[in-house]
Amino acid sequence: MVEPAKITISPVKLLRQIEGPSVVTPLRVLVVADNEINRVAVREMLKALGHYVKETRDGKQGVDMANVEKFDLILMDISKPVLDVRRATCQIRKSNGASSRAHIVSPTANVMPPEWDDFLKR
């Protein structure tokens, strides 16, 4: 049995090494994820790169925050409690709120073909 690789460097330090001294324009990013570990990991990586980060736990809170505060990017997990990413995205776009034109990206671990088929059917 192959042993998994041991992590010897923190993700933040790794990102700093990869990025080096390059200049990145700071973005205002909203992270919407119900999993606290994922929120913390994403927040810390983005902050290490110099971005301003706000976070929330569910789609409804994400919509509310996006309506009142301007974000350049919204990272929203596909499967969230209260309001899923499709409905949340529609509400953000239709609201004409502060972030109605922000880029919305939905990372997910649901990568198997049946999961994608189910997502696209809805």
Protein backbone atom coordinates (compact mmCIF):
# COMPACT_ATOMS: atom_id res chain seq x y z
CA MET A 1 0.00 0.00 0.00
CA VAL A 2 1.30 3.43 -0.93
CA GLU A 3 1.52 5.92 1.90
CA PRO A 4 -0.04 9.35 1.23
CA ALA A 5 2.38 12.21 0.89
CA LYS A 6 2.96 14.17 4.06
CA ILE A 7 2.36 17.89 3.91
CA THR A 8 5.53 19.65 4.94
CA ILE A 9 4.58 23.23 4.08
CA SER A 10 1.44 25.22 4.76
CA PRO A 11 -0.76 26.09 1.75
CA VAL A 12 -0.19 29.80 2.45
CA LYS A 13 3.61 29.44 2.36
CA LEU A 14 3.36 27.32 -0.78
CA LEU A 15 1.25 29.99 -2.52
CA ARG A 16 3.74 32.67 -1.55
CA GLN A 17 6.56 30.60 -3.05
CA ILE A 18 4.61 30.00 -6.25
CA GLU A 19 3.53 33.60 -6.61
CA GLY A 20 6.88 35.07 -5.68
CA PRO A 21 7.17 38.84 -5.75
CA SER A 22 4.57 39.34 -8.49
CA VAL A 23 2.10 42.17 -8.02
CA VAL A 24 -1.54 41.14 -7.78
CA THR A 25 -4.36 43.65 -7.80
CA PRO A 26 -6.33 42.97 -4.61
CA LEU A 27 -9.86 41.74 -5.21
CA ARG A 28 -12.91 41.93 -2.97
CA VAL A 29 -13.99 38.30 -2.64
CA LEU A 30 -17.09 36.80 -1.05
CA VAL A 31 -16.70 33.14 -0.04
CA VAL A 32 -19.98 31.25 0.46
CA ALA A 33 -19.51 27.74 1.85
CA ASP A 34 -21.21 25.78 4.61
CA ASN A 35 -18.06 23.77 5.40
CA GLU A 36 -15.96 25.75 7.88
CA ILE A 37 -12.70 24.01 6.95
CA ASN A 38 -13.18 24.94 3.28
CA ARG A 39 -14.06 28.54 4.18
CA VAL A 40 -10.98 28.93 6.37
CA ALA A 41 -8.65 27.36 3.77
CA VAL A 42 -9.96 29.55 0.94
CA ARG A 43 -9.98 32.68 3.12
CA GLU A 44 -6.40 32.19 4.28
CA MET A 45 -5.08 31.49 0.77
CA LEU A 46 -6.82 34.54 -0.67
CA LYS A 47 -5.73 36.80 2.17
CA ALA A 48 -2.14 35.57 1.79
CA LEU A 49 -2.31 36.79 -1.80
CA GLY A 50 -3.48 40.21 -0.64
CA HIS A 51 -7.21 39.96 -1.33
CA TYR A 52 -10.01 41.31 0.88
CA VAL A 53 -12.25 38.41 1.93
CA LYS A 54 -15.70 38.21 3.50
CA GLU A 55 -17.39 34.90 4.13
CA THR A 56 -20.78 33.44 4.92
CA ARG A 57 -22.28 30.00 5.48
CA ASP A 58 -25.27 29.77 3.14
CA GLY A 59 -26.71 31.00 -0.14
CA LYS A 60 -29.30 33.32 1.41
CA GLN A 61 -26.67 35.09 3.51
CA GLY A 62 -24.48 35.27 0.40
CA VAL A 63 -27.26 36.92 -1.62
CA ASP A 64 -27.95 39.40 1.18
CA MET A 65 -24.27 40.31 1.49
CA ALA A 66 -23.81 40.57 -2.30
CA ASN A 67 -26.75 42.96 -2.53
CA VAL A 68 -25.28 45.48 -0.10
CA GLU A 69 -21.52 45.16 -0.63
CA LYS A 70 -19.58 45.26 -3.90
CA PHE A 71 -17.45 42.19 -4.61
CA ASP A 72 -15.28 41.48 -7.65
CA LEU A 73 -15.59 37.72 -7.20
CA ILE A 74 -18.05 35.44 -5.43
CA LEU A 75 -16.92 31.87 -4.70
CA MET A 76 -20.00 29.82 -3.91
CA ASP A 77 -20.05 26.06 -3.37
CA ILE A 78 -22.66 24.35 -5.54
CA SER A 79 -24.39 22.52 -2.68
CA LYS A 80 -25.34 24.85 0.13
CA PRO A 81 -28.09 24.91 2.73
CA VAL A 82 -30.99 27.38 2.54
CA LEU A 83 -30.42 28.49 -1.08
CA ASP A 84 -28.50 26.57 -3.78
CA VAL A 85 -26.02 28.18 -6.15
CA ARG A 86 -28.43 28.40 -9.11
CA ARG A 87 -31.12 30.24 -7.18
CA ALA A 88 -28.58 32.38 -5.35
CA THR A 89 -26.91 33.37 -8.64
CA CYS A 90 -30.27 34.27 -10.20
CA GLN A 91 -31.20 36.40 -7.20
CA ILE A 92 -27.85 38.20 -7.23
CA ARG A 93 -28.12 38.91 -10.97
CA LYS A 94 -31.76 40.08 -10.84
CA SER A 95 -31.28 42.27 -7.76
CA ASN A 96 -29.20 44.98 -9.43
CA GLY A 97 -27.49 45.11 -6.03
CA ALA A 98 -23.91 46.10 -5.33
CA SER A 99 -22.48 42.81 -6.69
CA SER A 100 -25.01 41.98 -9.40
CA ARG A 101 -22.25 42.02 -12.04
CA ALA A 102 -19.58 40.21 -10.01
CA HIS A 103 -17.96 37.06 -11.37
CA ILE A 104 -19.52 34.02 -9.66
CA VAL A 105 -17.51 30.80 -9.54
CA SER A 106 -18.82 27.56 -8.05
CA PRO A 107 -16.11 25.11 -7.07
CA THR A 108 -17.33 21.63 -6.19
CA ALA A 109 -16.18 18.13 -5.36
CA ASN A 110 -19.19 16.69 -7.23
CA VAL A 111 -17.26 15.64 -10.32
CA MET A 112 -18.72 12.29 -11.27
CA PRO A 113 -20.85 12.21 -14.48
CA PRO A 114 -24.12 11.33 -12.67
CA GLU A 115 -23.64 14.31 -10.36
CA TRP A 116 -23.07 16.66 -13.30
CA ASP A 117 -26.11 15.26 -15.10
CA ASP A 118 -28.22 15.86 -12.01
CA PHE A 119 -26.90 19.42 -11.67
CA LEU A 120 -27.55 20.27 -15.32
CA LYS A 121 -31.11 18.88 -15.21
CA ARG A 122 -32.20 21.31 -12.52
